[in-house]
Amino acid sequence: MYQDKDELMVIKEDIERAIKKKNPRWAMLIDLRRCTSCKACTASCVAEQKSPPGIFYRPVYEEEFGVFPKVKRRFTPRLCNQCDNPPCVAACPNKGKGKATWKSTEGITNGIVMINYEECIGCGLCVLACPYKARNLDTGAFYTEGTPKIEEYEKSPSWEYGRRWPREKYHLPVGVARKCHFCIHRIKEGMLPACVSTCPSRANLFGDIDDRESLIHKTIKANKVNVLKSVKGDGKERVTPLSIRGKSPEEIAKITGYPGKIPVFDVSATTKPRVFYILF
């Protein structure tokens, strides 16, 4: 609760106020003191985006510290960090606003790293470049493949970036890069990102970070916050553009260690993330 109001109601009011602005600056704050690893955020994200096998916009990493009996566990949700200095954008060969991937700097999408599925060539270079392992290529798989029939719920369309994307063989976004976009299709309607709305612990705050009246702005000011510096994989293979040449999306994911294992925090990162964390 915040001042006798559910945080979700406060965040909704913040979003409704922000979408009236010309260029709201979206950000997310995750309070790891509250996260219980229930994975409601992961499940809601999969349901909202109709995510197929191999695509995880919001995994939750689990770590254990200390020696028995003084042992602690930490749970870290990870999403696209919507970086202000995004290495994925720099790595993309199809550059420019409206091309394969770019950092939006205006309008309702201000601050979000966007992907144009129709322009992405599926090269995987952005997948390699992301230090947060927040991107992967869509293989076109279905969970119910190999069963008597592919269930209808797997064929339902997604509405990413405000467009209808049918789930059909060879239909976009099959074969291209995918990642979290702060549920921009929901934000436009004054709604909360799916992960924020379903967290029973209210561990996620979202809004316009430049709005001094917003809950996220006030909470960041009142607490010490960190950002993800990177997410480590198993380190078994050196990842280079050459190492993924000719590889399938499944093989690329394995090489990069997607979606990662160990989060690495710092007070800042060269990528300038828009996702902040309160650590315990």
C-alpha atoms as a PDB file:
ATOM      1  CA  MET A   1       0.000   0.000   0.000  1.00  0.00           C
ATOM      2  CA  TYR A   2       1.063   3.589  -0.631  1.00  0.00           C
ATOM      3  CA  GLN A   3      -0.709   6.292   1.343  1.00  0.00           C
ATOM      4  CA  ASP A   4      -3.664   3.952   1.931  1.00  0.00           C
ATOM      5  CA  LYS A   5      -3.977   3.118  -1.771  1.00  0.00           C
ATOM      6  CA  ASP A   6      -2.993  -0.036  -3.629  1.00  0.00           C
ATOM      7  CA  GLU A   7       0.222   0.633  -5.546  1.00  0.00           C
ATOM      8  CA  LEU A   8      -1.421  -0.599  -8.756  1.00  0.00           C
ATOM      9  CA  MET A   9      -4.051   2.120  -8.556  1.00  0.00           C
ATOM     10  CA  VAL A  10      -1.369   4.746  -7.978  1.00  0.00           C
ATOM     11  CA  ILE A  11       0.659   3.447 -10.943  1.00  0.00           C
ATOM     12  CA  LYS A  12      -2.420   3.463 -13.172  1.00  0.00           C
ATOM     13  CA  GLU A  13      -3.043   7.093 -12.279  1.00  0.00           C
ATOM     14  CA  ASP A  14       0.627   7.840 -13.031  1.00  0.00           C
ATOM     15  CA  ILE A  15       0.343   6.191 -16.459  1.00  0.00           C
ATOM     16  CA  GLU A  16      -2.902   7.994 -17.297  1.00  0.00           C
ATOM     17  CA  ARG A  17      -1.216  11.281 -16.453  1.00  0.00           C
ATOM     18  CA  ALA A  18       1.947  10.394 -18.400  1.00  0.00           C
ATOM     19  CA  ILE A  19       0.248   9.408 -21.676  1.00  0.00           C
ATOM     20  CA  LYS A  20      -1.140  12.920 -21.919  1.00  0.00           C
ATOM     21  CA  LYS A  21       2.418  14.247 -22.151  1.00  0.00           C
ATOM     22  CA  LYS A  22       4.271  14.671 -25.418  1.00  0.00           C
ATOM     23  CA  ASN A  23       7.267  12.520 -24.465  1.00  0.00           C
ATOM     24  CA  PRO A  24       6.860  10.472 -21.275  1.00  0.00           C
ATOM     25  CA  ARG A  25      10.089   8.779 -20.193  1.00  0.00           C
ATOM     26  CA  TRP A  26       9.141   5.241 -19.204  1.00  0.00           C
ATOM     27  CA  ALA A  27      11.072   3.235 -16.638  1.00  0.00           C
ATOM     28  CA  MET A  28      10.573   0.320 -14.261  1.00  0.00           C
ATOM     29  CA  LEU A  29      11.718  -0.239 -10.688  1.00  0.00           C
ATOM     30  CA  ILE A  30      11.819  -3.763  -9.216  1.00  0.00           C
ATOM     31  CA  ASP A  31      12.039  -4.117  -5.435  1.00  0.00           C
ATOM     32  CA  LEU A  32      13.850  -7.412  -4.830  1.00  0.00           C
ATOM     33  CA  ARG A  33      12.978  -7.193  -1.124  1.00  0.00           C
ATOM     34  CA  ARG A  34       9.417  -7.985  -2.142  1.00  0.00           C
ATOM     35  CA  CYS A  35       9.942 -10.566  -4.885  1.00  0.00           C
ATOM     36  CA  THR A  36       9.051 -14.134  -3.804  1.00  0.00           C
ATOM     37  CA  SER A  37       9.807 -15.855  -7.125  1.00  0.00           C
ATOM     38  CA  CYS A  38       6.160 -16.785  -7.589  1.00  0.00           C
ATOM     39  CA  LYS A  39       6.752 -16.137 -11.318  1.00  0.00           C
ATOM     40  CA  ALA A  40       3.329 -14.566 -11.785  1.00  0.00           C
ATOM     41  CA  CYS A  41       5.101 -11.917 -13.881  1.00  0.00           C
ATOM     42  CA  THR A  42       6.642 -14.581 -16.117  1.00  0.00           C
ATOM     43  CA  ALA A  43       3.322 -16.368 -16.602  1.00  0.00           C
ATOM     44  CA  SER A  44       1.376 -13.168 -17.280  1.00  0.00           C
ATOM     45  CA  CYS A  45       3.970 -12.045 -19.820  1.00  0.00           C
ATOM     46  CA  VAL A  46       3.756 -15.359 -21.687  1.00  0.00           C
ATOM     47  CA  ALA A  47      -0.044 -15.134 -21.703  1.00  0.00           C
ATOM     48  CA  GLU A  48      -0.087 -11.476 -22.782  1.00  0.00           C
ATOM     49  CA  GLN A  49       2.444 -11.836 -25.613  1.00  0.00           C
ATOM     50  CA  LYS A  50       1.383 -15.373 -26.636  1.00  0.00           C
ATOM     51  CA  SER A  51       5.052 -16.271 -26.248  1.00  0.00           C
ATOM     52  CA  PRO A  52       6.053 -19.504 -28.024  1.00  0.00           C
ATOM     53  CA  PRO A  53       8.597 -22.073 -26.799  1.00  0.00           C
ATOM     54  CA  GLY A  54      12.067 -20.564 -26.449  1.00  0.00           C
ATOM     55  CA  ILE A  55      10.916 -16.965 -25.928  1.00  0.00           C
ATOM     56  CA  PHE A  56      11.171 -15.565 -22.389  1.00  0.00           C
ATOM     57  CA  TYR A  57      10.683 -11.827 -21.971  1.00  0.00           C
ATOM     58  CA  ARG A  58      10.686 -12.041 -18.176  1.00  0.00           C
ATOM     59  CA  PRO A  59      12.554 -14.939 -16.556  1.00  0.00           C
ATOM     60  CA  VAL A  60      13.252 -14.855 -12.815  1.00  0.00           C
ATOM     61  CA  TYR A  61      16.762 -15.791 -11.667  1.00  0.00           C
ATOM     62  CA  GLU A  62      17.265 -17.487  -8.317  1.00  0.00           C
ATOM     63  CA  GLU A  63      20.456 -17.153  -6.266  1.00  0.00           C
ATOM     64  CA  GLU A  64      21.575 -18.385  -2.863  1.00  0.00           C
ATOM     65  CA  PHE A  65      24.117 -16.666  -0.607  1.00  0.00           C
ATOM     66  CA  GLY A  66      25.928 -17.496   2.599  1.00  0.00           C
ATOM     67  CA  VAL A  67      26.680 -20.655   4.562  1.00  0.00           C
ATOM     68  CA  PHE A  68      24.151 -22.628   6.582  1.00  0.00           C
ATOM     69  CA  PRO A  69      22.505 -21.603   8.840  1.00  0.00           C
ATOM     70  CA  LYS A  70      22.990 -18.006   7.612  1.00  0.00           C
ATOM     71  CA  VAL A  71      21.645 -18.457   4.110  1.00  0.00           C
ATOM     72  CA  LYS A  72      19.740 -15.967   1.976  1.00  0.00           C
ATOM     73  CA  ARG A  73      18.012 -16.302  -1.375  1.00  0.00           C
ATOM     74  CA  ARG A  74      17.474 -13.578  -3.948  1.00  0.00           C
ATOM     75  CA  PHE A  75      15.067 -13.592  -6.866  1.00  0.00           C
ATOM     76  CA  THR A  76      15.687 -11.289  -9.815  1.00  0.00           C
ATOM     77  CA  PRO A  77      13.147 -10.745 -12.597  1.00  0.00           C
ATOM     78  CA  ARG A  78      14.871  -9.715 -15.823  1.00  0.00           C
ATOM     79  CA  LEU A  79      13.391  -7.949 -18.828  1.00  0.00           C
ATOM     80  CA  CYS A  80      14.672  -5.781 -21.653  1.00  0.00           C
ATOM     81  CA  ASN A  81      16.359  -2.843 -19.942  1.00  0.00           C
ATOM     82  CA  GLN A  82      15.254  -0.351 -22.637  1.00  0.00           C
ATOM     83  CA  CYS A  83      18.786   1.071 -22.546  1.00  0.00           C
ATOM     84  CA  ASP A  84      19.509   4.681 -23.444  1.00  0.00           C
ATOM     85  CA  ASN A  85      22.781   3.422 -24.965  1.00  0.00           C
ATOM     86  CA  PRO A  86      21.541   0.118 -26.413  1.00  0.00           C
ATOM     87  CA  PRO A  87      24.253  -2.185 -27.806  1.00  0.00           C
ATOM     88  CA  CYS A  88      21.592  -4.156 -29.681  1.00  0.00           C
ATOM     89  CA  VAL A  89      20.789  -1.091 -31.782  1.00  0.00           C
ATOM     90  CA  ALA A  90      24.469  -0.453 -32.505  1.00  0.00           C
ATOM     91  CA  ALA A  91      24.940  -4.081 -33.602  1.00  0.00           C
ATOM     92  CA  CYS A  92      21.975  -4.146 -35.984  1.00  0.00           C
ATOM     93  CA  PRO A  93      22.954  -3.988 -39.697  1.00  0.00           C
ATOM     94  CA  ASN A  94      19.543  -2.582 -40.670  1.00  0.00           C
ATOM     95  CA  LYS A  95      19.823   0.696 -38.785  1.00  0.00           C
ATOM     96  CA  GLY A  96      17.564   3.698 -38.421  1.00  0.00           C
ATOM     97  CA  LYS A  97      14.215   4.745 -37.036  1.00  0.00           C
ATOM     98  CA  GLY A  98      11.539   2.385 -38.297  1.00  0.00           C
ATOM     99  CA  LYS A  99      14.116  -0.137 -39.425  1.00  0.00           C
ATOM    100  CA  ALA A 100      14.918  -3.404 -37.617  1.00  0.00           C
ATOM    101  CA  THR A 101      15.552  -2.005 -34.129  1.00  0.00           C
ATOM    102  CA  TRP A 102      15.941   1.493 -32.741  1.00  0.00           C
ATOM    103  CA  LYS A 103      15.638   3.573 -29.594  1.00  0.00           C
ATOM    104  CA  SER A 104      12.443   5.596 -29.647  1.00  0.00           C
ATOM    105  CA  THR A 105      12.958   9.185 -28.506  1.00  0.00           C
ATOM    106  CA  GLU A 106       9.518  10.668 -29.041  1.00  0.00           C
ATOM    107  CA  GLY A 107       5.828  10.165 -28.477  1.00  0.00           C
ATOM    108  CA  ILE A 108       4.137   7.454 -26.435  1.00  0.00           C
ATOM    109  CA  THR A 109       7.004   5.019 -27.152  1.00  0.00           C
ATOM    110  CA  ASN A 110       9.674   7.448 -25.918  1.00  0.00           C
ATOM    111  CA  GLY A 111      12.456   5.561 -24.146  1.00  0.00           C
ATOM    112  CA  ILE A 112      11.529   2.110 -25.462  1.00  0.00           C
ATOM    113  CA  VAL A 113      13.833   0.071 -27.693  1.00  0.00           C
ATOM    114  CA  MET A 114      11.590  -0.924 -30.580  1.00  0.00           C
ATOM    115  CA  ILE A 115      11.678  -3.797 -33.073  1.00  0.00           C
ATOM    116  CA  ASN A 116      10.071  -3.693 -36.506  1.00  0.00           C
ATOM    117  CA  TYR A 117       9.393  -7.330 -37.302  1.00  0.00           C
ATOM    118  CA  GLU A 118       8.965  -6.512 -40.993  1.00  0.00           C
ATOM    119  CA  GLU A 119      12.476  -5.038 -41.192  1.00  0.00           C
ATOM    120  CA  CYS A 120      14.364  -7.523 -38.984  1.00  0.00           C
ATOM    121  CA  ILE A 121      16.456  -9.966 -41.036  1.00  0.00           C
ATOM    122  CA  GLY A 122      16.917 -12.484 -38.214  1.00  0.00           C
ATOM    123  CA  CYS A 123      20.723 -12.272 -38.258  1.00  0.00           C
ATOM    124  CA  GLY A 124      20.984 -12.633 -34.462  1.00  0.00           C
ATOM    125  CA  LEU A 125      23.630  -9.915 -34.020  1.00  0.00           C
ATOM    126  CA  CYS A 126      21.423  -8.023 -31.564  1.00  0.00           C
ATOM    127  CA  VAL A 127      20.988 -11.257 -29.599  1.00  0.00           C
ATOM    128  CA  LEU A 128      24.763 -11.462 -29.213  1.00  0.00           C
ATOM    129  CA  ALA A 129      25.135  -7.780 -28.369  1.00  0.00           C
ATOM    130  CA  CYS A 130      22.634  -7.659 -25.490  1.00  0.00           C
ATOM    131  CA  PRO A 131      24.514  -8.022 -22.164  1.00  0.00           C
ATOM    132  CA  TYR A 132      21.221  -8.866 -20.446  1.00  0.00           C
ATOM    133  CA  LYS A 133      20.363 -11.816 -22.694  1.00  0.00           C
ATOM    134  CA  ALA A 134      16.982 -10.215 -23.202  1.00  0.00           C
ATOM    135  CA  ARG A 135      16.602 -11.073 -26.900  1.00  0.00           C
ATOM    136  CA  ASN A 136      16.204 -14.265 -28.862  1.00  0.00           C
ATOM    137  CA  LEU A 137      14.993 -15.375 -32.281  1.00  0.00           C
ATOM    138  CA  ASP A 138      11.520 -16.859 -32.689  1.00  0.00           C
ATOM    139  CA  THR A 139      11.787 -20.421 -34.014  1.00  0.00           C
ATOM    140  CA  GLY A 140       8.121 -20.693 -34.984  1.00  0.00           C
ATOM    141  CA  ALA A 141       7.565 -23.562 -32.548  1.00  0.00           C
ATOM    142  CA  PHE A 142       4.353 -24.531 -30.773  1.00  0.00           C
ATOM    143  CA  TYR A 143       4.047 -26.149 -27.362  1.00  0.00           C
ATOM    144  CA  THR A 144       1.565 -28.696 -28.683  1.00  0.00           C
ATOM    145  CA  GLU A 145       3.630 -29.715 -31.701  1.00  0.00           C
ATOM    146  CA  GLY A 146       3.886 -33.486 -31.929  1.00  0.00           C
ATOM    147  CA  THR A 147       0.456 -33.985 -30.376  1.00  0.00           C
ATOM    148  CA  PRO A 148      -2.672 -34.927 -32.370  1.00  0.00           C
ATOM    149  CA  LYS A 149      -3.248 -31.237 -33.130  1.00  0.00           C
ATOM    150  CA  ILE A 150      -1.861 -27.807 -32.384  1.00  0.00           C
ATOM    151  CA  GLU A 151      -4.294 -26.302 -29.914  1.00  0.00           C
ATOM    152  CA  GLU A 152      -6.273 -23.241 -30.958  1.00  0.00           C
ATOM    153  CA  TYR A 153      -5.062 -21.134 -28.012  1.00  0.00           C
ATOM    154  CA  GLU A 154      -1.541 -21.340 -29.467  1.00  0.00           C
ATOM    155  CA  LYS A 155      -2.765 -19.857 -32.723  1.00  0.00           C
ATOM    156  CA  SER A 156      -4.323 -16.771 -31.167  1.00  0.00           C
ATOM    157  CA  PRO A 157      -2.674 -13.529 -32.324  1.00  0.00           C
ATOM    158  CA  SER A 158      -0.490 -11.236 -30.260  1.00  0.00           C
ATOM    159  CA  TRP A 159      -0.763  -7.440 -30.326  1.00  0.00           C
ATOM    160  CA  GLU A 160       2.851  -6.409 -29.853  1.00  0.00           C
ATOM    161  CA  TYR A 161       3.703  -2.853 -30.918  1.00  0.00           C
ATOM    162  CA  GLY A 162      -0.027  -2.228 -31.477  1.00  0.00           C
ATOM    163  CA  ARG A 163      -0.402  -4.605 -34.421  1.00  0.00           C
ATOM    164  CA  ARG A 164      -2.134  -7.951 -34.861  1.00  0.00           C
ATOM    165  CA  TRP A 165       0.361 -10.782 -35.382  1.00  0.00           C
ATOM    166  CA  PRO A 166      -1.275 -14.123 -36.266  1.00  0.00           C
ATOM    167  CA  ARG A 167       0.543 -17.218 -35.022  1.00  0.00           C
ATOM    168  CA  GLU A 168       1.013 -19.085 -38.280  1.00  0.00           C
ATOM    169  CA  LYS A 169       3.849 -20.960 -39.933  1.00  0.00           C
ATOM    170  CA  TYR A 170       6.228 -18.576 -41.727  1.00  0.00           C
ATOM    171  CA  HIS A 171       4.271 -15.551 -40.462  1.00  0.00           C
ATOM    172  CA  LEU A 172       6.105 -12.790 -38.603  1.00  0.00           C
ATOM    173  CA  PRO A 173       7.448 -12.654 -35.910  1.00  0.00           C
ATOM    174  CA  VAL A 174       8.645 -16.180 -36.745  1.00  0.00           C
ATOM    175  CA  GLY A 175      12.346 -15.998 -37.619  1.00  0.00           C
ATOM    176  CA  VAL A 176      13.036 -12.554 -36.163  1.00  0.00           C
ATOM    177  CA  ALA A 177      14.250 -11.072 -32.871  1.00  0.00           C
ATOM    178  CA  ARG A 178      11.801 -10.631 -29.989  1.00  0.00           C
ATOM    179  CA  LYS A 179      11.998  -9.045 -26.542  1.00  0.00           C
ATOM    180  CA  CYS A 180      10.087  -7.076 -23.909  1.00  0.00           C
ATOM    181  CA  HIS A 181       8.650  -3.692 -24.945  1.00  0.00           C
ATOM    182  CA  PHE A 182       7.067  -2.619 -21.630  1.00  0.00           C
ATOM    183  CA  CYS A 183       3.677  -3.762 -23.043  1.00  0.00           C
ATOM    184  CA  ILE A 184       3.451  -0.574 -25.093  1.00  0.00           C
ATOM    185  CA  HIS A 185       0.119  -1.752 -26.542  1.00  0.00           C
ATOM    186  CA  ARG A 186      -1.310  -1.716 -23.000  1.00  0.00           C
ATOM    187  CA  ILE A 187       0.339   1.554 -21.960  1.00  0.00           C
ATOM    188  CA  LYS A 188      -1.309   3.345 -24.903  1.00  0.00           C
ATOM    189  CA  GLU A 189      -4.670   2.438 -23.399  1.00  0.00           C
ATOM    190  CA  GLY A 190      -3.706   3.639 -19.917  1.00  0.00           C
ATOM    191  CA  MET A 191      -3.169   0.092 -18.685  1.00  0.00           C
ATOM    192  CA  LEU A 192      -0.263  -1.321 -16.677  1.00  0.00           C
ATOM    193  CA  PRO A 193       2.319  -3.676 -18.196  1.00  0.00           C
ATOM    194  CA  ALA A 194       1.105  -7.242 -17.630  1.00  0.00           C
ATOM    195  CA  CYS A 195       3.983  -8.129 -15.300  1.00  0.00           C
ATOM    196  CA  VAL A 196       3.248  -5.126 -13.074  1.00  0.00           C
ATOM    197  CA  SER A 197      -0.477  -5.793 -12.822  1.00  0.00           C
ATOM    198  CA  THR A 198      -0.102  -9.442 -11.791  1.00  0.00           C
ATOM    199  CA  CYS A 199       2.590  -9.213  -9.103  1.00  0.00           C
ATOM    200  CA  PRO A 200       0.916 -10.131  -5.793  1.00  0.00           C
ATOM    201  CA  SER A 201       3.796  -8.571  -3.829  1.00  0.00           C
ATOM    202  CA  ARG A 202       3.663  -5.238  -5.683  1.00  0.00           C
ATOM    203  CA  ALA A 203       7.384  -5.586  -6.375  1.00  0.00           C
ATOM    204  CA  ASN A 204       7.189  -3.681  -9.677  1.00  0.00           C
ATOM    205  CA  LEU A 205       6.725   0.051 -10.109  1.00  0.00           C
ATOM    206  CA  PHE A 206       6.300   1.638 -13.525  1.00  0.00           C
ATOM    207  CA  GLY A 207       5.791   5.096 -14.933  1.00  0.00           C
ATOM    208  CA  ASP A 208       7.309   8.289 -16.272  1.00  0.00           C
ATOM    209  CA  ILE A 209      10.591   8.681 -14.420  1.00  0.00           C
ATOM    210  CA  ASP A 210      10.582  12.432 -15.137  1.00  0.00           C
ATOM    211  CA  ASP A 211       7.216  12.872 -13.408  1.00  0.00           C
ATOM    212  CA  ARG A 212       8.080  14.025  -9.900  1.00  0.00           C
ATOM    213  CA  GLU A 213       4.606  13.095  -8.697  1.00  0.00           C
ATOM    214  CA  SER A 214       4.900   9.497  -9.901  1.00  0.00           C
ATOM    215  CA  LEU A 215       5.411   6.651  -7.457  1.00  0.00           C
ATOM    216  CA  ILE A 216       8.431   5.350  -9.341  1.00  0.00           C
ATOM    217  CA  HIS A 217      10.167   8.742  -9.198  1.00  0.00           C
ATOM    218  CA  LYS A 218       9.500   9.154  -5.481  1.00  0.00           C
ATOM    219  CA  THR A 219      10.608   5.601  -4.645  1.00  0.00           C
ATOM    220  CA  ILE A 220      13.863   5.893  -6.580  1.00  0.00           C
ATOM    221  CA  LYS A 221      14.621   9.167  -4.802  1.00  0.00           C
ATOM    222  CA  ALA A 222      13.961   7.581  -1.400  1.00  0.00           C
ATOM    223  CA  ASN A 223      16.073   4.441  -1.931  1.00  0.00           C
ATOM    224  CA  LYS A 224      19.463   3.295  -3.099  1.00  0.00           C
ATOM    225  CA  VAL A 225      18.952   1.690  -6.497  1.00  0.00           C
ATOM    226  CA  ASN A 226      21.143  -0.438  -8.730  1.00  0.00           C
ATOM    227  CA  VAL A 227      21.016  -1.567 -12.338  1.00  0.00           C
ATOM    228  CA  LEU A 228      21.956  -4.765 -14.075  1.00  0.00           C
ATOM    229  CA  LYS A 229      25.460  -4.589 -15.428  1.00  0.00           C
ATOM    230  CA  SER A 230      25.049  -7.890 -17.263  1.00  0.00           C
ATOM    231  CA  VAL A 231      23.630 -11.392 -17.061  1.00  0.00           C
ATOM    232  CA  LYS A 232      26.107 -14.235 -17.271  1.00  0.00           C
ATOM    233  CA  GLY A 233      25.609 -17.472 -19.149  1.00  0.00           C
ATOM    234  CA  ASP A 234      27.530 -20.655 -18.463  1.00  0.00           C
ATOM    235  CA  GLY A 235      30.581 -19.324 -20.319  1.00  0.00           C
ATOM    236  CA  LYS A 236      31.205 -22.623 -22.081  1.00  0.00           C
ATOM    237  CA  GLU A 237      31.511 -21.119 -25.528  1.00  0.00           C
ATOM    238  CA  ARG A 238      33.022 -17.888 -26.828  1.00  0.00           C
ATOM    239  CA  VAL A 239      30.294 -15.957 -28.568  1.00  0.00           C
ATOM    240  CA  THR A 240      31.140 -14.170 -31.821  1.00  0.00           C
ATOM    241  CA  PRO A 241      29.224 -13.340 -35.008  1.00  0.00           C
ATOM    242  CA  LEU A 242      31.147 -16.152 -36.688  1.00  0.00           C
ATOM    243  CA  SER A 243      30.038 -18.636 -34.027  1.00  0.00           C
ATOM    244  CA  ILE A 244      26.364 -18.135 -34.927  1.00  0.00           C
ATOM    245  CA  ARG A 245      26.717 -18.124 -38.703  1.00  0.00           C
ATOM    246  CA  GLY A 246      24.362 -20.697 -40.191  1.00  0.00           C
ATOM    247  CA  LYS A 247      23.021 -21.668 -36.769  1.00  0.00           C
ATOM    248  CA  SER A 248      19.344 -22.193 -35.965  1.00  0.00           C
ATOM    249  CA  PRO A 249      17.610 -19.983 -33.387  1.00  0.00           C
ATOM    250  CA  GLU A 250      17.774 -22.882 -30.914  1.00  0.00           C
ATOM    251  CA  GLU A 251      21.519 -23.206 -31.416  1.00  0.00           C
ATOM    252  CA  ILE A 252      22.039 -19.450 -31.110  1.00  0.00           C
ATOM    253  CA  ALA A 253      20.108 -19.431 -27.837  1.00  0.00           C
ATOM    254  CA  LYS A 254      22.295 -22.226 -26.487  1.00  0.00           C
ATOM    255  CA  ILE A 255      25.516 -20.486 -27.538  1.00  0.00           C
ATOM    256  CA  THR A 256      24.547 -17.138 -25.986  1.00  0.00           C
ATOM    257  CA  GLY A 257      23.250 -18.757 -22.817  1.00  0.00           C
ATOM    258  CA  TYR A 258      19.780 -17.251 -23.303  1.00  0.00           C
ATOM    259  CA  PRO A 259      18.019 -16.319 -21.064  1.00  0.00           C
ATOM    260  CA  GLY A 260      21.078 -16.334 -18.770  1.00  0.00           C
ATOM    261  CA  LYS A 261      21.832 -17.558 -15.271  1.00  0.00           C
ATOM    262  CA  ILE A 262      23.537 -15.054 -12.984  1.00  0.00           C
ATOM    263  CA  PRO A 263      22.613 -11.336 -12.721  1.00  0.00           C
ATOM    264  CA  VAL A 264      25.465  -8.895 -12.116  1.00  0.00           C
ATOM    265  CA  PHE A 265      24.510  -5.597 -10.445  1.00  0.00           C
ATOM    266  CA  ASP A 266      26.284  -2.253 -10.229  1.00  0.00           C
ATOM    267  CA  VAL A 267      25.410   1.353  -9.426  1.00  0.00           C
ATOM    268  CA  SER A 268      25.583   2.144 -13.147  1.00  0.00           C
ATOM    269  CA  ALA A 269      26.160   0.523 -16.525  1.00  0.00           C
ATOM    270  CA  THR A 270      27.474   1.829 -19.835  1.00  0.00           C
ATOM    271  CA  THR A 271      24.221   0.779 -21.480  1.00  0.00           C
ATOM    272  CA  LYS A 272      22.265   3.247 -19.298  1.00  0.00           C
ATOM    273  CA  PRO A 273      19.344   0.954 -18.418  1.00  0.00           C
ATOM    274  CA  ARG A 274      15.785   2.147 -17.761  1.00  0.00           C
ATOM    275  CA  VAL A 275      15.128  -0.758 -15.375  1.00  0.00           C
ATOM    276  CA  PHE A 276      16.225  -0.190 -11.769  1.00  0.00           C
ATOM    277  CA  TYR A 277      16.441  -2.525  -8.781  1.00  0.00           C
ATOM    278  CA  ILE A 278      16.283  -2.151  -5.019  1.00  0.00           C
ATOM    279  CA  LEU A 279      18.498  -4.880  -3.599  1.00  0.00           C
ATOM    280  CA  PHE A 280      18.264  -6.395  -0.108  1.00  0.00           C
END
